[in-house]
PDB file of N, CA and C in Angstrom:
ATOM      1  N   UNK A   1     120.184 121.038 102.925  1.00  0.00           N
ATOM      2  CA  UNK A   1     119.830 121.322 101.781  1.00  0.00           C
ATOM      3  C   UNK A   1     118.926 122.685 101.859  1.00  0.00           C
ATOM      4  N   UNK A   2     119.077 123.752 100.960  1.00  0.00           N
ATOM      5  CA  UNK A   2     118.422 124.921 101.429  1.00  0.00           C
ATOM      6  C   UNK A   2     116.878 124.812 100.790  1.00  0.00           C
ATOM      7  N   UNK A   3     116.037 125.723 101.410  1.00  0.00           N
ATOM      8  CA  UNK A   3     114.667 125.646 101.161  1.00  0.00           C
ATOM      9  C   UNK A   3     114.242 125.378  99.586  1.00  0.00           C
ATOM     10  N   UNK A   4     115.090 126.502  98.771  1.00  0.00           N
ATOM     11  CA  UNK A   4     114.554 126.364  97.314  1.00  0.00           C
ATOM     12  C   UNK A   4     115.007 125.022  96.912  1.00  0.00           C
ATOM     13  N   UNK A   5     116.026 124.693  97.056  1.00  0.00           N
ATOM     14  CA  UNK A   5     116.648 123.478  96.578  1.00  0.00           C
ATOM     15  C   UNK A   5     115.790 122.148  96.914  1.00  0.00           C
ATOM     16  N   UNK A   6     115.451 122.252  98.145  1.00  0.00           N
ATOM     17  CA  UNK A   6     114.569 121.140  98.834  1.00  0.00           C
ATOM     18  C   UNK A   6     113.403 121.003  98.191  1.00  0.00           C
ATOM     19  N   UNK A   7     112.760 122.156  97.951  1.00  0.00           N
ATOM     20  CA  UNK A   7     111.248 122.240  97.010  1.00  0.00           C
ATOM     21  C   UNK A   7     111.532 121.990  95.831  1.00  0.00           C
ATOM     22  N   UNK A   8     112.251 122.516  95.274  1.00  0.00           N
ATOM     23  CA  UNK A   8     112.552 121.904  93.700  1.00  0.00           C
ATOM     24  C   UNK A   8     113.029 120.569  93.736  1.00  0.00           C
ATOM     25  N   UNK A   9     113.963 120.006  94.544  1.00  0.00           N
ATOM     26  CA  UNK A   9     114.181 118.586  94.393  1.00  0.00           C
ATOM     27  C   UNK A   9     112.620 117.766  94.591  1.00  0.00           C
ATOM     28  N   UNK A  10     111.986 118.046  95.663  1.00  0.00           N
ATOM     29  CA  UNK A  10     110.799 117.235  96.246  1.00  0.00           C
ATOM     30  C   UNK A  10     109.681 117.596  95.008  1.00  0.00           C
ATOM     31  N   UNK A  11     109.815 118.669  94.326  1.00  0.00           N
ATOM     32  CA  UNK A  11     108.901 118.850  93.239  1.00  0.00           C
ATOM     33  C   UNK A  11     109.337 117.711  91.773  1.00  0.00           C
ATOM     34  N   UNK A  12     110.433 117.548  91.823  1.00  0.00           N
ATOM     35  CA  UNK A  12     110.856 116.671  90.875  1.00  0.00           C
ATOM     36  C   UNK A  12     110.296 115.424  90.898  1.00  0.00           C
ATOM     37  N   UNK A  13     110.578 114.952  92.356  1.00  0.00           N
ATOM     38  CA  UNK A  13     110.036 113.685  92.951  1.00  0.00           C
ATOM     39  C   UNK A  13     108.674 113.497  92.688  1.00  0.00           C
ATOM     40  N   UNK A  14     107.951 114.589  92.980  1.00  0.00           N
ATOM     41  CA  UNK A  14     106.476 114.479  92.661  1.00  0.00           C
ATOM     42  C   UNK A  14     106.245 114.263  91.266  1.00  0.00           C
ATOM     43  N   UNK A  15     106.725 114.967  90.305  1.00  0.00           N
ATOM     44  CA  UNK A  15     106.651 114.820  89.113  1.00  0.00           C
ATOM     45  C   UNK A  15     106.783 113.488  88.522  1.00  0.00           C
ATOM     46  N   UNK A  16     108.139 112.971  89.041  1.00  0.00           N
ATOM     47  CA  UNK A  16     108.607 111.657  88.438  1.00  0.00           C
ATOM     48  C   UNK A  16     107.477 110.654  89.021  1.00  0.00           C
ATOM     49  N   UNK A  17     107.107 110.670  90.208  1.00  0.00           N
ATOM     50  CA  UNK A  17     106.328 109.542  90.782  1.00  0.00           C
ATOM     51  C   UNK A  17     104.843 109.741  90.068  1.00  0.00           C
ATOM     52  N   UNK A  18     104.492 110.883  90.026  1.00  0.00           N
ATOM     53  CA  UNK A  18     103.158 111.057  89.382  1.00  0.00           C
ATOM     54  C   UNK A  18     102.982 110.331  87.883  1.00  0.00           C
ATOM     55  N   UNK A  19     104.020 110.689  87.096  1.00  0.00           N
ATOM     56  CA  UNK A  19     104.280 110.183  85.784  1.00  0.00           C
ATOM     57  C   UNK A  19     104.376 108.613  85.907  1.00  0.00           C
ATOM     58  N   UNK A  20     105.070 108.043  86.799  1.00  0.00           N
ATOM     59  CA  UNK A  20     105.205 106.664  86.966  1.00  0.00           C
ATOM     60  C   UNK A  20     103.851 105.669  87.322  1.00  0.00           C
ATOM     61  N   UNK A  21     103.067 106.591  88.296  1.00  0.00           N
ATOM     62  CA  UNK A  21     102.107 105.776  88.583  1.00  0.00           C
ATOM     63  C   UNK A  21     100.907 105.999  87.453  1.00  0.00           C
ATOM     64  N   UNK A  22     101.000 107.127  86.855  1.00  0.00           N
ATOM     65  CA  UNK A  22      99.971 107.289  85.618  1.00  0.00           C
ATOM     66  C   UNK A  22     100.280 106.194  84.725  1.00  0.00           C
ATOM     67  N   UNK A  23     101.552 106.152  84.266  1.00  0.00           N
ATOM     68  CA  UNK A  23     101.906 105.031  83.212  1.00  0.00           C
ATOM     69  C   UNK A  23     101.653 103.662  83.770  1.00  0.00           C
ATOM     70  N   UNK A  24     101.591 103.273  85.094  1.00  0.00           N
ATOM     71  CA  UNK A  24     101.393 102.003  85.585  1.00  0.00           C
ATOM     72  C   UNK A  24     100.113 101.844  85.322  1.00  0.00           C
ATOM     73  N   UNK A  25      99.402 102.784  85.941  1.00  0.00           N
ATOM     74  CA  UNK A  25      97.680 102.704  86.055  1.00  0.00           C
ATOM     75  C   UNK A  25      97.270 102.376  84.543  1.00  0.00           C
ATOM     76  N   UNK A  26      97.762 103.217  83.495  1.00  0.00           N
ATOM     77  CA  UNK A  26      97.237 102.949  82.066  1.00  0.00           C
ATOM     78  C   UNK A  26      97.763 101.608  81.551  1.00  0.00           C
ATOM     79  N   UNK A  27      99.092 101.098  82.080  1.00  0.00           N
ATOM     80  CA  UNK A  27      99.451  99.750  81.671  1.00  0.00           C
ATOM     81  C   UNK A  27      98.492  98.749  82.187  1.00  0.00           C
ATOM     82  N   UNK A  28      98.036  98.769  83.563  1.00  0.00           N
ATOM     83  CA  UNK A  28      97.255  97.922  84.136  1.00  0.00           C
ATOM     84  C   UNK A  28      95.818  97.933  83.591  1.00  0.00           C
ATOM     85  N   UNK A  29      95.274  98.971  83.237  1.00  0.00           N
ATOM     86  CA  UNK A  29      94.130  99.083  82.292  1.00  0.00           C
ATOM     87  C   UNK A  29      94.031  98.283  81.145  1.00  0.00           C
ATOM     88  N   UNK A  30      95.301  98.444  80.292  1.00  0.00           N
ATOM     89  CA  UNK A  30      95.360  97.886  79.039  1.00  0.00           C
ATOM     90  C   UNK A  30      95.449  96.205  79.361  1.00  0.00           C
ATOM     91  N   UNK A  31      96.245  95.958  80.149  1.00  0.00           N
ATOM     92  CA  UNK A  31      96.351  94.279  80.628  1.00  0.00           C
ATOM     93  C   UNK A  31      95.094  93.866  80.911  1.00  0.00           C
ATOM     94  N   UNK A  32      94.409  94.740  81.764  1.00  0.00           N
ATOM     95  CA  UNK A  32      92.929  94.258  82.212  1.00  0.00           C
ATOM     96  C   UNK A  32      92.015  93.921  80.898  1.00  0.00           C
ATOM     97  N   UNK A  33      92.019  94.841  80.245  1.00  0.00           N
ATOM     98  CA  UNK A  33      91.237  94.947  79.008  1.00  0.00           C
ATOM     99  C   UNK A  33      91.524  93.540  78.198  1.00  0.00           C
ATOM    100  N   UNK A  34      92.673  93.223  78.240  1.00  0.00           N
ATOM    101  CA  UNK A  34      93.054  91.890  77.247  1.00  0.00           C
ATOM    102  C   UNK A  34      93.065  90.704  77.690  1.00  0.00           C
ATOM    103  N   UNK A  35      92.542  90.506  78.844  1.00  0.00           N
ATOM    104  CA  UNK A  35      92.417  89.416  79.855  1.00  0.00           C
ATOM    105  C   UNK A  35      91.576  88.249  78.864  1.00  0.00           C
ATOM    106  N   UNK A  36      90.451  88.535  78.394  1.00  0.00           N
ATOM    107  CA  UNK A  36      89.689  87.587  77.824  1.00  0.00           C
ATOM    108  C   UNK A  36      90.374  87.171  76.616  1.00  0.00           C
ATOM    109  N   UNK A  37      91.084  87.891  75.897  1.00  0.00           N
ATOM    110  CA  UNK A  37      91.630  87.650  74.871  1.00  0.00           C
ATOM    111  C   UNK A  37      93.058  86.673  74.974  1.00  0.00           C
ATOM    112  N   UNK A  38      93.356  87.209  76.212  1.00  0.00           N
ATOM    113  CA  UNK A  38      94.707  86.342  76.701  1.00  0.00           C
ATOM    114  C   UNK A  38      94.277  85.057  76.810  1.00  0.00           C
ATOM    115  N   UNK A  39      93.445  84.645  77.395  1.00  0.00           N
ATOM    116  CA  UNK A  39      92.945  83.401  77.885  1.00  0.00           C
ATOM    117  C   UNK A  39      92.401  82.740  76.338  1.00  0.00           C
ATOM    118  N   UNK A  40      91.881  83.282  75.503  1.00  0.00           N
ATOM    119  CA  UNK A  40      91.951  82.543  74.211  1.00  0.00           C
ATOM    120  C   UNK A  40      93.113  82.268  73.635  1.00  0.00           C
ATOM    121  N   UNK A  41      93.994  83.045  73.672  1.00  0.00           N
ATOM    122  CA  UNK A  41      95.220  82.439  73.073  1.00  0.00           C
ATOM    123  C   UNK A  41      96.266  81.468  73.806  1.00  0.00           C
ATOM    124  N   UNK A  42      95.938  81.583  75.164  1.00  0.00           N
ATOM    125  CA  UNK A  42      96.467  80.274  76.029  1.00  0.00           C
ATOM    126  C   UNK A  42      95.659  79.023  75.781  1.00  0.00           C
ATOM    127  N   UNK A  43      94.456  79.106  75.505  1.00  0.00           N
ATOM    128  CA  UNK A  43      93.600  77.886  75.183  1.00  0.00           C
ATOM    129  C   UNK A  43      94.136  77.443  73.809  1.00  0.00           C
ATOM    130  N   UNK A  44      94.197  78.357  72.910  1.00  0.00           N
ATOM    131  CA  UNK A  44      94.738  78.047  71.410  1.00  0.00           C
ATOM    132  C   UNK A  44      96.083  77.423  71.429  1.00  0.00           C
ATOM    133  N   UNK A  45      96.951  77.936  72.281  1.00  0.00           N
ATOM    134  CA  UNK A  45      98.364  77.370  72.305  1.00  0.00           C
ATOM    135  C   UNK A  45      98.391  76.240  72.816  1.00  0.00           C
ATOM    136  N   UNK A  46      97.516  75.704  73.759  1.00  0.00           N
ATOM    137  CA  UNK A  46      97.678  74.234  74.377  1.00  0.00           C
ATOM    138  C   UNK A  46      96.521  73.337  73.557  1.00  0.00           C
ATOM    139  N   UNK A  47      96.192  73.737  72.482  1.00  0.00           N
ATOM    140  CA  UNK A  47      95.277  72.940  71.898  1.00  0.00           C
ATOM    141  C   UNK A  47      95.650  72.191  70.766  1.00  0.00           C
ATOM    142  N   UNK A  48      95.142  70.966  70.065  1.00  0.00           N
ATOM    143  CA  UNK A  48      95.508  70.398  69.013  1.00  0.00           C
ATOM    144  C   UNK A  48      95.380  71.282  67.748  1.00  0.00           C
ATOM    145  N   UNK A  49      94.508  72.396  67.809  1.00  0.00           N
ATOM    146  CA  UNK A  49      94.428  73.110  66.660  1.00  0.00           C
ATOM    147  C   UNK A  49      95.747  73.979  66.392  1.00  0.00           C
ATOM    148  N   UNK A  50      96.295  74.364  67.375  1.00  0.00           N
ATOM    149  CA  UNK A  50      97.611  74.985  67.473  1.00  0.00           C
ATOM    150  C   UNK A  50      98.708  74.112  66.942  1.00  0.00           C
ATOM    151  N   UNK A  51      98.800  73.000  67.449  1.00  0.00           N
ATOM    152  CA  UNK A  51      99.648  71.826  66.746  1.00  0.00           C
ATOM    153  C   UNK A  51      99.369  71.669  65.388  1.00  0.00           C
ATOM    154  N   UNK A  52      98.335  71.641  64.950  1.00  0.00           N
ATOM    155  CA  UNK A  52      98.068  71.264  63.390  1.00  0.00           C
ATOM    156  C   UNK A  52      98.587  72.550  62.592  1.00  0.00           C
ATOM    157  N   UNK A  53      98.274  73.743  63.008  1.00  0.00           N
ATOM    158  CA  UNK A  53      98.720  75.045  62.564  1.00  0.00           C
ATOM    159  C   UNK A  53     100.193  75.232  62.469  1.00  0.00           C
ATOM    160  N   UNK A  54     100.819  74.644  63.454  1.00  0.00           N
ATOM    161  CA  UNK A  54     102.344  74.544  63.681  1.00  0.00           C
ATOM    162  C   UNK A  54     102.947  73.841  62.583  1.00  0.00           C
ATOM    163  N   UNK A  55     102.393  72.589  62.617  1.00  0.00           N
ATOM    164  CA  UNK A  55     102.846  71.420  61.649  1.00  0.00           C
ATOM    165  C   UNK A  55     102.521  71.733  60.222  1.00  0.00           C
ATOM    166  N   UNK A  56     101.432  72.517  59.983  1.00  0.00           N
ATOM    167  CA  UNK A  56     101.176  73.067  58.676  1.00  0.00           C
ATOM    168  C   UNK A  56     102.074  74.173  58.167  1.00  0.00           C
ATOM    169  N   UNK A  57     102.407  74.964  59.099  1.00  0.00           N
ATOM    170  CA  UNK A  57     103.290  76.137  58.882  1.00  0.00           C
ATOM    171  C   UNK A  57     104.872  75.370  58.375  1.00  0.00           C
ATOM    172  N   UNK A  58     105.358  74.506  59.310  1.00  0.00           N
ATOM    173  CA  UNK A  58     106.585  73.562  58.907  1.00  0.00           C
ATOM    174  C   UNK A  58     106.463  72.930  57.598  1.00  0.00           C
ATOM    175  N   UNK A  59     105.521  72.377  57.222  1.00  0.00           N
ATOM    176  CA  UNK A  59     105.028  71.817  56.097  1.00  0.00           C
ATOM    177  C   UNK A  59     104.939  72.771  54.867  1.00  0.00           C
ATOM    178  N   UNK A  60     105.047  74.053  55.121  1.00  0.00           N
ATOM    179  CA  UNK A  60     105.016  75.111  54.116  1.00  0.00           C
ATOM    180  C   UNK A  60     103.717  75.465  53.656  1.00  0.00           C
ATOM    181  N   UNK A  61     102.746  74.896  54.428  1.00  0.00           N
ATOM    182  CA  UNK A  61     101.253  75.021  53.830  1.00  0.00           C
ATOM    183  C   UNK A  61     100.586  76.614  54.230  1.00  0.00           C
ATOM    184  N   UNK A  62     101.308  77.404  55.185  1.00  0.00           N
ATOM    185  CA  UNK A  62     100.955  78.632  55.656  1.00  0.00           C
ATOM    186  C   UNK A  62     101.751  79.544  54.835  1.00  0.00           C
ATOM    187  N   UNK A  63     101.031  80.497  54.055  1.00  0.00           N
ATOM    188  CA  UNK A  63     101.755  81.382  53.283  1.00  0.00           C
ATOM    189  C   UNK A  63     102.958  82.250  54.114  1.00  0.00           C
ATOM    190  N   UNK A  64     103.941  82.216  53.578  1.00  0.00           N
ATOM    191  CA  UNK A  64     105.409  82.820  54.146  1.00  0.00           C
ATOM    192  C   UNK A  64     105.261  84.173  54.375  1.00  0.00           C
ATOM    193  N   UNK A  65     104.344  85.107  53.923  1.00  0.00           N
ATOM    194  CA  UNK A  65     104.151  86.408  54.092  1.00  0.00           C
ATOM    195  C   UNK A  65     103.142  86.572  55.425  1.00  0.00           C
ATOM    196  N   UNK A  66     102.640  85.671  56.044  1.00  0.00           N
ATOM    197  CA  UNK A  66     101.593  85.843  57.063  1.00  0.00           C
ATOM    198  C   UNK A  66     102.432  85.988  58.283  1.00  0.00           C
ATOM    199  N   UNK A  67     102.137  86.873  59.124  1.00  0.00           N
ATOM    200  CA  UNK A  67     102.738  87.021  60.340  1.00  0.00           C
ATOM    201  C   UNK A  67     102.067  85.826  61.287  1.00  0.00           C
ATOM    202  N   UNK A  68     102.969  85.196  61.742  1.00  0.00           N
ATOM    203  CA  UNK A  68     102.692  83.850  62.551  1.00  0.00           C
ATOM    204  C   UNK A  68     103.542  83.573  63.750  1.00  0.00           C
ATOM    205  N   UNK A  69     103.862  84.719  64.302  1.00  0.00           N
ATOM    206  CA  UNK A  69     104.870  84.390  65.456  1.00  0.00           C
ATOM    207  C   UNK A  69     104.007  83.610  66.569  1.00  0.00           C
ATOM    208  N   UNK A  70     102.675  83.368  66.495  1.00  0.00           N
ATOM    209  CA  UNK A  70     102.043  82.589  67.364  1.00  0.00           C
ATOM    210  C   UNK A  70     102.269  81.188  67.163  1.00  0.00           C
ATOM    211  N   UNK A  71     102.870  80.840  65.900  1.00  0.00           N
ATOM    212  CA  UNK A  71     103.041  79.573  65.753  1.00  0.00           C
ATOM    213  C   UNK A  71     104.532  79.173  66.031  1.00  0.00           C
ATOM    214  N   UNK A  72     105.382  80.169  66.671  1.00  0.00           N
ATOM    215  CA  UNK A  72     106.700  79.695  67.069  1.00  0.00           C
ATOM    216  C   UNK A  72     106.288  78.983  68.486  1.00  0.00           C
ATOM    217  N   UNK A  73     107.344  78.273  68.932  1.00  0.00           N
ATOM    218  CA  UNK A  73     107.059  77.591  70.158  1.00  0.00           C
ATOM    219  C   UNK A  73     107.567  78.364  71.403  1.00  0.00           C
ATOM    220  N   UNK A  74     108.261  79.574  71.042  1.00  0.00           N
ATOM    221  CA  UNK A  74     108.572  80.579  72.017  1.00  0.00           C
ATOM    222  C   UNK A  74     107.727  81.728  72.444  1.00  0.00           C
ATOM    223  N   UNK A  75     107.035  82.078  71.333  1.00  0.00           N
ATOM    224  CA  UNK A  75     106.546  83.474  71.717  1.00  0.00           C
ATOM    225  C   UNK A  75     105.363  83.441  72.621  1.00  0.00           C
ATOM    226  N   UNK A  76     104.676  82.635  72.476  1.00  0.00           N
ATOM    227  CA  UNK A  76     103.514  82.437  73.644  1.00  0.00           C
ATOM    228  C   UNK A  76     104.073  82.086  74.856  1.00  0.00           C
ATOM    229  N   UNK A  77     104.916  81.126  75.088  1.00  0.00           N
ATOM    230  CA  UNK A  77     105.485  80.646  76.090  1.00  0.00           C
ATOM    231  C   UNK A  77     106.237  81.846  76.962  1.00  0.00           C
ATOM    232  N   UNK A  78     107.143  82.591  76.095  1.00  0.00           N
ATOM    233  CA  UNK A  78     107.867  83.767  76.661  1.00  0.00           C
ATOM    234  C   UNK A  78     106.848  84.774  77.185  1.00  0.00           C
ATOM    235  N   UNK A  79     105.801  84.951  76.501  1.00  0.00           N
ATOM    236  CA  UNK A  79     104.748  85.900  77.123  1.00  0.00           C
ATOM    237  C   UNK A  79     104.123  85.564  78.302  1.00  0.00           C
ATOM    238  N   UNK A  80     103.639  84.258  78.443  1.00  0.00           N
ATOM    239  CA  UNK A  80     103.480  83.695  79.723  1.00  0.00           C
ATOM    240  C   UNK A  80     104.425  83.947  80.939  1.00  0.00           C
ATOM    241  N   UNK A  81     105.699  83.519  80.508  1.00  0.00           N
ATOM    242  CA  UNK A  81     106.695  83.648  81.487  1.00  0.00           C
ATOM    243  C   UNK A  81     106.904  85.191  81.860  1.00  0.00           C
ATOM    244  N   UNK A  82     106.758  86.109  81.030  1.00  0.00           N
ATOM    245  CA  UNK A  82     106.856  87.433  81.255  1.00  0.00           C
ATOM    246  C   UNK A  82     105.457  87.693  82.364  1.00  0.00           C
ATOM    247  N   UNK A  83     104.541  87.317  81.994  1.00  0.00           N
ATOM    248  CA  UNK A  83     103.320  87.660  82.878  1.00  0.00           C
ATOM    249  C   UNK A  83     103.699  87.152  84.243  1.00  0.00           C
ATOM    250  N   UNK A  84     104.190  85.883  84.245  1.00  0.00           N
ATOM    251  CA  UNK A  84     104.255  85.421  85.560  1.00  0.00           C
ATOM    252  C   UNK A  84     105.535  86.096  86.313  1.00  0.00           C
ATOM    253  N   UNK A  85     106.546  86.609  85.587  1.00  0.00           N
ATOM    254  CA  UNK A  85     107.501  87.452  86.182  1.00  0.00           C
ATOM    255  C   UNK A  85     106.852  88.806  86.759  1.00  0.00           C
ATOM    256  N   UNK A  86     106.095  89.592  85.790  1.00  0.00           N
ATOM    257  CA  UNK A  86     105.567  90.659  86.324  1.00  0.00           C
ATOM    258  C   UNK A  86     104.454  90.569  87.394  1.00  0.00           C
ATOM    259  N   UNK A  87     103.714  89.568  87.537  1.00  0.00           N
ATOM    260  CA  UNK A  87     102.975  89.171  88.739  1.00  0.00           C
ATOM    261  C   UNK A  87     103.764  89.054  90.019  1.00  0.00           C
ATOM    262  N   UNK A  88     104.877  88.436  90.005  1.00  0.00           N
ATOM    263  CA  UNK A  88     105.821  88.417  91.085  1.00  0.00           C
ATOM    264  C   UNK A  88     106.457  89.624  91.332  1.00  0.00           C
ATOM    265  N   UNK A  89     106.729  90.475  90.511  1.00  0.00           N
ATOM    266  CA  UNK A  89     107.183  91.862  90.733  1.00  0.00           C
ATOM    267  C   UNK A  89     106.288  92.765  91.536  1.00  0.00           C
ATOM    268  N   UNK A  90     105.071  92.608  90.952  1.00  0.00           N
ATOM    269  CA  UNK A  90     103.846  93.410  91.461  1.00  0.00           C
ATOM    270  C   UNK A  90     103.651  92.817  93.225  1.00  0.00           C
ATOM    271  N   UNK A  91     103.737  91.648  93.357  1.00  0.00           N
ATOM    272  CA  UNK A  91     103.363  91.290  94.407  1.00  0.00           C
ATOM    273  C   UNK A  91     104.576  91.587  95.591  1.00  0.00           C
ATOM    274  N   UNK A  92     105.755  91.512  94.977  1.00  0.00           N
ATOM    275  CA  UNK A  92     106.863  91.896  95.974  1.00  0.00           C
ATOM    276  C   UNK A  92     106.764  93.420  96.177  1.00  0.00           C
ATOM    277  N   UNK A  93     106.406  94.161  95.274  1.00  0.00           N
ATOM    278  CA  UNK A  93     106.330  95.763  95.407  1.00  0.00           C
ATOM    279  C   UNK A  93     105.174  95.880  96.414  1.00  0.00           C
ATOM    280  N   UNK A  94     103.973  95.153  96.188  1.00  0.00           N
ATOM    281  CA  UNK A  94     102.797  95.478  97.330  1.00  0.00           C
ATOM    282  C   UNK A  94     103.471  95.068  98.693  1.00  0.00           C
ATOM    283  N   UNK A  95     103.974  93.810  98.749  1.00  0.00           N
ATOM    284  CA  UNK A  95     104.288  93.368  99.909  1.00  0.00           C
ATOM    285  C   UNK A  95     105.443  94.240 100.590  1.00  0.00           C
ATOM    286  N   UNK A  96     106.340  94.861 100.006  1.00  0.00           N
ATOM    287  CA  UNK A  96     107.387  95.634 100.537  1.00  0.00           C
ATOM    288  C   UNK A  96     107.034  97.186 100.507  1.00  0.00           C
ATOM    289  N   UNK A  97     106.029  97.425 100.115  1.00  0.00           N
ATOM    290  CA  UNK A  97     105.660  98.923  99.878  1.00  0.00           C
ATOM    291  C   UNK A  97     105.431  99.605 101.341  1.00  0.00           C
ATOM    292  N   UNK A  98     106.123 100.643 101.583  1.00  0.00           N
ATOM    293  CA  UNK A  98     105.919 101.295 102.940  1.00  0.00           C
ATOM    294  C   UNK A  98     105.745 102.807 102.754  1.00  0.00           C
ATOM    295  N   UNK A  99     104.712 102.967 102.090  1.00  0.00           N
ATOM    296  CA  UNK A  99     104.351 104.431 101.595  1.00  0.00           C
ATOM    297  C   UNK A  99     103.588 105.126 102.656  1.00  0.00           C
ATOM    298  N   UNK A 100     104.109 105.723 103.854  1.00  0.00           N
ATOM    299  CA  UNK A 100     103.289 106.263 104.686  1.00  0.00           C
ATOM    300  C   UNK A 100     104.151 107.486 105.285  1.00  0.00           C
ATOM    301  N   UNK A 101     103.794 108.672 105.827  1.00  0.00           N
ATOM    302  CA  UNK A 101     104.458 109.551 106.293  1.00  0.00           C
ATOM    303  C   UNK A 101     105.393 109.305 107.483  1.00  0.00           C
ATOM    304  N   UNK A 102     106.669 109.592 107.181  1.00  0.00           N
ATOM    305  CA  UNK A 102     107.496 109.227 108.435  1.00  0.00           C
ATOM    306  C   UNK A 102     108.047 110.579 109.164  1.00  0.00           C
ATOM    307  N   UNK A 103     108.121 110.159 110.302  1.00  0.00           N
ATOM    308  CA  UNK A 103     108.691 111.234 111.442  1.00  0.00           C
ATOM    309  C   UNK A 103     110.032 111.651 110.788  1.00  0.00           C
ATOM    310  N   UNK A 104     110.325 112.969 110.860  1.00  0.00           N
ATOM    311  CA  UNK A 104     111.712 113.376 110.344  1.00  0.00           C
ATOM    312  C   UNK A 104     112.530 113.773 111.622  1.00  0.00           C
TER     313      UNK A 104
END
């Protein structure tokens, strides 16, 4: 690889990695900020109140124009599964990461 080509290529890698790290950092900040609310959602989802709201929705007692994905049996469960998968991906990334200067 010629010098100009190499520098251009490495600059592209730097730009791409910088954007990825920035995006991940921003996402982690957002996720961190929602932790307390997420715990409330988990508590609600496993409560008798959720079951009552779910039953009332099925009985037509909840307005049909109200956004109520939280009352589906899958939405919160899928969110929790996604969180678990992401935690595993992050753990694997950290465990397998070998970002250090290498001898060329």
